[in-house]
Amino acid sequence: MTTVAPEKVSVLVRRPGPEELHPVRTHRRRRALELTLATAVPLLLVLLWQLAATQAWLDDRVYPAPSTILADGWDRAAAGDLWPDVWATTKRVLAGYAIGTATGYALGLLMGSLSLVRAALEPLLDALYVVPKLALLPVFLNMFGLGEGPQIALVAATVFFFVWIQTMSAVISIPSGHRDAGQVFGASPWQMFRHVLLPASLPSVLVGARIAAGVAVLVIVASEQIAATNGLGHLIFDSRALFQNDVMFVGIVCVAALGVLFSELVRIVGRLLTPWAPRDRGRGQS
């Protein structure tokens, strides 16, 4: 009689880790680490710059120390010389961004929903999209003359393409089952937009809106260096021509701060409008 030995059974035991045992504490620790890194890296670079300027590793006439830039910016702000340029750039960005976002979203929604409209307009818009937007500045100068018009139009044209492409792609990618469900329940065109197209496409649309927010600041600064008599772009270009490099860096810092604040504002608005969408930039769920 032959005896068969029983087979060995391996049991894999997985113990819960810190994320499962203490999710809130783990999230807080990770968030604190992220904030520390986000603060420490720029601060370290600034300190290295300060050290290089004070030790004459860099020519402080070309690259003034951060302390010099900060002091000059504070003096200009206290004297009221800085705020007119900041406001001029801000209002151009806001006006152009509003126009570009509204038109880009409306046309993207229309082209994403109607294939015939998409077939008629997409080739033309694709051709215009690849044209550098600064190349359109002379066209806008001929259309609107000197003043605010060309600056706002340039920002609007730039923002329009980012929002249009993202909106059209988001609407096209909506699963057909969503539309079919709306039609089965007899949804009107407005109800289809309100309850199907808008919530399904809005998170992706807001990604394009955030990208457009940063690009809008870049474009307006470049435009102000060419065809403006005020604004942060004009301040940077004019101070460089006068070899006032400390003022030039004050303008650059203001542009960076404006871009970050504007992009962050769009992100916050997007989170309020789409609470169902997953958080971005590594921000875990609380």
Protein backbone atom coordinates (compact mmCIF):
# COMPACT_ATOMS: atom_id res chain seq x y z
CA MET A 1 0.00 0.00 0.00
CA THR A 2 1.40 3.39 -1.03
CA THR A 3 1.04 6.42 1.23
CA VAL A 4 0.86 9.86 -0.37
CA ALA A 5 2.31 12.66 1.71
CA PRO A 6 0.02 15.67 2.08
CA GLU A 7 0.95 18.70 0.01
CA LYS A 8 2.48 21.64 1.81
CA VAL A 9 0.25 24.69 1.83
CA SER A 10 1.83 28.15 1.95
CA VAL A 11 -0.17 30.85 3.65
CA LEU A 12 0.65 34.46 2.90
CA VAL A 13 -0.14 36.75 5.77
CA ARG A 14 -0.18 40.49 5.14
CA ARG A 15 -0.11 42.73 8.15
CA PRO A 16 -1.70 46.16 7.78
CA GLY A 17 0.76 48.97 7.33
CA PRO A 18 0.74 52.48 8.79
CA GLU A 19 -1.59 53.76 6.05
CA GLU A 20 -4.26 51.22 7.03
CA LEU A 21 -3.74 51.48 10.79
CA HIS A 22 -3.43 55.26 11.05
CA PRO A 23 -4.60 56.82 7.77
CA VAL A 24 -5.11 60.35 9.11
CA ARG A 25 -1.76 60.45 10.90
CA THR A 26 0.03 59.04 7.85
CA HIS A 27 -1.60 61.58 5.56
CA ARG A 28 -0.62 64.44 7.87
CA ARG A 29 2.99 63.27 8.04
CA ARG A 30 3.20 62.97 4.26
CA ARG A 31 1.61 66.37 3.80
CA ALA A 32 4.08 67.91 6.27
CA LEU A 33 6.97 66.29 4.38
CA GLU A 34 5.66 67.63 1.05
CA LEU A 35 5.29 71.16 2.45
CA THR A 36 8.76 70.99 3.97
CA LEU A 37 10.33 69.97 0.66
CA ALA A 38 8.31 72.54 -1.28
CA THR A 39 9.58 75.27 1.05
CA ALA A 40 13.12 74.05 1.66
CA VAL A 41 14.22 73.68 -1.97
CA PRO A 42 13.44 77.27 -3.07
CA LEU A 43 14.76 78.64 0.21
CA LEU A 44 18.03 76.75 -0.22
CA LEU A 45 18.46 78.11 -3.74
CA VAL A 46 17.84 81.67 -2.51
CA LEU A 47 20.38 81.22 0.28
CA LEU A 48 22.95 79.92 -2.20
CA TRP A 49 22.27 82.91 -4.43
CA GLN A 50 22.69 85.26 -1.46
CA LEU A 51 25.96 83.60 -0.50
CA ALA A 52 27.27 83.74 -4.07
CA ALA A 53 26.47 87.44 -4.33
CA THR A 54 27.98 88.38 -0.96
CA GLN A 55 31.12 86.33 -1.62
CA ALA A 56 31.57 87.90 -5.06
CA TRP A 57 31.16 84.57 -6.82
CA LEU A 58 28.64 86.42 -8.99
CA ASP A 59 28.80 89.96 -10.28
CA ASP A 60 26.20 91.69 -8.08
CA ARG A 61 25.78 94.38 -10.72
CA VAL A 62 24.29 91.73 -13.02
CA TYR A 63 22.89 89.36 -10.40
CA PRO A 64 22.07 91.42 -7.30
CA ALA A 65 21.65 89.60 -4.01
CA PRO A 66 18.12 88.51 -3.02
CA SER A 67 18.31 90.85 -0.04
CA THR A 68 18.95 93.77 -2.41
CA ILE A 69 16.04 92.72 -4.62
CA LEU A 70 13.76 92.40 -1.60
CA ALA A 71 14.77 95.80 -0.24
CA ASP A 72 14.26 97.49 -3.60
CA GLY A 73 10.89 95.81 -4.09
CA TRP A 74 9.78 96.90 -0.64
CA ASP A 75 10.83 100.49 -1.30
CA ARG A 76 9.03 100.60 -4.66
CA ALA A 77 5.90 99.08 -3.17
CA ALA A 78 5.95 101.50 -0.22
CA ALA A 79 6.41 104.45 -2.56
CA GLY A 80 3.53 103.24 -4.77
CA ASP A 81 5.71 102.82 -7.87
CA LEU A 82 5.18 99.07 -8.21
CA TRP A 83 1.43 98.67 -7.89
CA PRO A 84 0.38 100.44 -11.13
CA ASP A 85 2.45 97.97 -13.15
CA VAL A 86 1.13 94.99 -11.17
CA TRP A 87 -2.46 96.15 -11.65
CA ALA A 88 -1.98 96.84 -15.36
CA THR A 89 -0.73 93.30 -15.96
CA THR A 90 -3.36 91.74 -13.68
CA LYS A 91 -6.35 93.39 -15.34
CA ARG A 92 -5.11 92.44 -18.82
CA VAL A 93 -4.69 88.84 -17.75
CA LEU A 94 -8.11 88.70 -16.08
CA ALA A 95 -9.94 90.28 -19.02
CA GLY A 96 -8.22 88.17 -21.65
CA TYR A 97 -8.57 85.01 -19.59
CA ALA A 98 -12.31 85.53 -19.10
CA ILE A 99 -12.91 86.11 -22.81
CA GLY A 100 -10.70 83.23 -23.93
CA THR A 101 -12.16 80.77 -21.42
CA ALA A 102 -15.78 81.61 -22.26
CA THR A 103 -15.32 81.39 -26.04
CA GLY A 104 -13.07 78.33 -25.87
CA TYR A 105 -15.47 76.43 -23.65
CA ALA A 106 -18.54 77.32 -25.73
CA LEU A 107 -16.93 76.35 -29.03
CA GLY A 108 -15.30 73.23 -27.58
CA LEU A 109 -18.64 72.09 -26.21
CA LEU A 110 -20.33 72.72 -29.57
CA MET A 111 -17.63 70.98 -31.61
CA GLY A 112 -17.47 68.06 -29.20
CA SER A 113 -21.21 67.54 -29.40
CA LEU A 114 -21.79 68.07 -33.15
CA SER A 115 -19.55 66.16 -35.52
CA LEU A 116 -20.48 68.29 -38.54
CA VAL A 117 -19.41 71.47 -36.78
CA ARG A 118 -16.19 69.74 -35.73
CA ALA A 119 -15.51 68.63 -39.30
CA ALA A 120 -16.06 72.17 -40.58
CA LEU A 121 -13.98 74.09 -38.04
CA GLU A 122 -11.30 71.77 -36.67
CA PRO A 123 -8.85 71.98 -39.63
CA LEU A 124 -8.93 75.79 -39.55
CA LEU A 125 -8.48 75.99 -35.78
CA ASP A 126 -5.69 73.39 -35.86
CA ALA A 127 -3.83 75.57 -38.37
CA LEU A 128 -4.28 78.67 -36.23
CA TYR A 129 -3.26 76.80 -33.08
CA VAL A 130 0.28 76.14 -34.30
CA VAL A 131 0.86 79.84 -35.11
CA PRO A 132 2.98 81.43 -32.32
CA LYS A 133 0.60 83.74 -30.53
CA LEU A 134 3.12 86.59 -30.33
CA ALA A 135 3.14 86.55 -34.13
CA LEU A 136 -0.50 87.68 -33.94
CA LEU A 137 0.38 90.82 -31.98
CA PRO A 138 0.93 92.97 -35.12
CA VAL A 139 -2.46 91.79 -36.39
CA PHE A 140 -4.14 92.84 -33.16
CA LEU A 141 -2.29 96.16 -33.21
CA ASN A 142 -3.72 96.81 -36.68
CA MET A 143 -7.19 95.79 -35.51
CA PHE A 144 -7.37 97.58 -32.15
CA GLY A 145 -4.59 100.17 -32.32
CA LEU A 146 -2.40 101.03 -29.36
CA GLY A 147 -3.80 100.54 -25.88
CA GLU A 148 -5.35 97.68 -23.94
CA GLY A 149 -7.09 96.00 -26.87
CA PRO A 150 -4.11 94.18 -28.42
CA GLN A 151 -2.86 92.94 -25.03
CA ILE A 152 -6.24 91.56 -24.00
CA ALA A 153 -6.87 90.03 -27.43
CA LEU A 154 -3.51 88.26 -27.36
CA VAL A 155 -4.22 86.71 -23.96
CA ALA A 156 -7.74 85.76 -25.05
CA ALA A 157 -6.45 84.07 -28.21
CA THR A 158 -3.86 82.11 -26.23
CA VAL A 159 -6.30 80.95 -23.56
CA PHE A 160 -8.96 80.14 -26.15
CA PHE A 161 -6.95 77.37 -27.81
CA PHE A 162 -6.00 75.64 -24.56
CA VAL A 163 -9.59 75.62 -23.29
CA TRP A 164 -11.09 74.76 -26.68
CA ILE A 165 -8.87 71.70 -27.23
CA GLN A 166 -9.37 70.39 -23.71
CA THR A 167 -13.13 70.93 -23.78
CA MET A 168 -13.64 69.32 -27.18
CA SER A 169 -11.52 66.31 -26.20
CA ALA A 170 -13.36 65.97 -22.88
CA VAL A 171 -16.80 66.02 -24.52
CA ILE A 172 -15.77 63.55 -27.23
CA SER A 173 -14.38 61.14 -24.64
CA ILE A 174 -17.63 61.01 -22.64
CA PRO A 175 -18.86 57.37 -22.81
CA SER A 176 -21.81 56.93 -25.14
CA GLY A 177 -23.64 55.12 -22.35
CA HIS A 178 -23.92 58.39 -20.45
CA ARG A 179 -25.65 60.07 -23.38
CA ASP A 180 -27.86 57.04 -24.01
CA ALA A 181 -28.98 57.04 -20.39
CA GLY A 182 -29.96 60.70 -20.64
CA GLN A 183 -31.94 60.06 -23.81
CA VAL A 184 -33.71 57.05 -22.27
CA PHE A 185 -34.90 59.22 -19.40
CA GLY A 186 -36.10 61.85 -21.88
CA ALA A 187 -33.61 64.54 -20.92
CA SER A 188 -34.00 67.87 -22.69
CA PRO A 189 -30.94 69.52 -24.33
CA TRP A 190 -30.47 71.67 -21.22
CA GLN A 191 -30.84 68.67 -18.89
CA MET A 192 -28.40 66.70 -21.06
CA PHE A 193 -25.88 69.51 -20.69
CA ARG A 194 -26.53 70.10 -16.99
CA HIS A 195 -26.58 66.49 -15.80
CA VAL A 196 -24.41 64.63 -18.35
CA LEU A 197 -22.02 66.76 -20.42
CA LEU A 198 -21.08 69.30 -17.74
CA PRO A 199 -20.20 66.98 -14.82
CA ALA A 200 -18.48 64.44 -17.09
CA SER A 201 -16.28 66.95 -18.91
CA LEU A 202 -15.67 69.68 -16.33
CA PRO A 203 -12.71 68.07 -14.47
CA SER A 204 -10.77 67.69 -17.71
CA VAL A 205 -11.76 71.18 -18.87
CA LEU A 206 -10.42 72.69 -15.65
CA VAL A 207 -7.05 71.05 -16.27
CA GLY A 208 -6.81 73.01 -19.50
CA ALA A 209 -7.98 76.14 -17.69
CA ARG A 210 -5.16 75.77 -15.17
CA ILE A 211 -2.56 75.37 -17.89
CA ALA A 212 -4.01 78.38 -19.69
CA ALA A 213 -3.75 80.47 -16.51
CA GLY A 214 0.02 80.08 -16.38
CA VAL A 215 0.48 80.57 -20.11
CA ALA A 216 -1.65 83.73 -20.02
CA VAL A 217 0.83 85.36 -17.63
CA LEU A 218 3.77 84.36 -19.84
CA VAL A 219 2.13 85.79 -22.95
CA ILE A 220 1.11 89.11 -21.42
CA VAL A 221 4.60 89.72 -20.05
CA ALA A 222 6.14 89.06 -23.46
CA SER A 223 3.54 91.29 -25.11
CA GLU A 224 4.14 94.14 -22.65
CA GLN A 225 7.83 94.08 -23.48
CA ILE A 226 6.97 94.76 -27.12
CA ALA A 227 3.90 96.99 -27.24
CA ALA A 228 3.04 98.53 -23.88
CA THR A 229 3.96 101.56 -21.83
CA ASN A 230 3.23 99.97 -18.44
CA GLY A 231 2.88 96.57 -16.82
CA LEU A 232 5.38 94.12 -15.38
CA GLY A 233 6.69 93.12 -18.80
CA HIS A 234 7.43 96.75 -19.63
CA LEU A 235 9.04 97.21 -16.20
CA ILE A 236 11.37 94.24 -16.77
CA PHE A 237 12.36 95.27 -20.28
CA ASP A 238 12.76 98.97 -19.46
CA SER A 239 14.84 98.37 -16.32
CA ARG A 240 17.11 95.99 -18.24
CA ALA A 241 17.69 98.65 -20.88
CA LEU A 242 18.61 101.13 -18.13
CA PHE A 243 20.84 98.49 -16.46
CA GLN A 244 18.71 98.54 -13.32
CA ASN A 245 19.00 94.83 -12.72
CA ASP A 246 17.62 94.96 -9.19
CA VAL A 247 14.39 96.48 -10.54
CA MET A 248 14.37 93.90 -13.33
CA PHE A 249 14.47 91.05 -10.80
CA VAL A 250 11.72 92.73 -8.76
CA GLY A 251 9.53 92.54 -11.86
CA ILE A 252 10.48 88.90 -12.47
CA VAL A 253 9.60 87.97 -8.88
CA CYS A 254 6.25 89.75 -9.22
CA VAL A 255 5.52 87.87 -12.44
CA ALA A 256 6.32 84.54 -10.76
CA ALA A 257 4.11 85.40 -7.79
CA LEU A 258 1.28 86.51 -10.07
CA GLY A 259 1.48 83.31 -12.11
CA VAL A 260 1.46 81.07 -9.03
CA LEU A 261 -1.43 82.94 -7.40
CA PHE A 262 -3.52 82.95 -10.56
CA SER A 263 -2.93 79.26 -11.25
CA GLU A 264 -3.66 78.38 -7.63
CA LEU A 265 -6.88 80.44 -7.72
CA VAL A 266 -8.06 78.52 -10.78
CA ARG A 267 -7.20 75.24 -9.04
CA ILE A 268 -9.18 76.19 -5.93
CA VAL A 269 -12.18 77.26 -8.00
CA GLY A 270 -11.94 73.99 -9.91
CA ARG A 271 -11.98 71.95 -6.70
CA LEU A 272 -15.07 73.85 -5.51
CA LEU A 273 -16.84 73.26 -8.82
CA THR A 274 -15.90 69.58 -9.07
CA PRO A 275 -15.91 68.06 -5.57
CA TRP A 276 -16.33 64.60 -7.14
CA ALA A 277 -13.03 64.82 -9.05
CA PRO A 278 -9.84 63.32 -7.50
CA ARG A 279 -7.43 65.81 -6.02
CA ASP A 280 -4.30 66.56 -7.99
CA ARG A 281 -0.63 67.37 -7.34
CA GLY A 282 -0.23 64.52 -4.89
CA ARG A 283 -2.80 65.84 -2.43
CA GLY A 284 -4.22 62.73 -0.84
CA GLN A 285 -7.77 62.29 0.32
CA SER A 286 -8.31 63.32 3.90
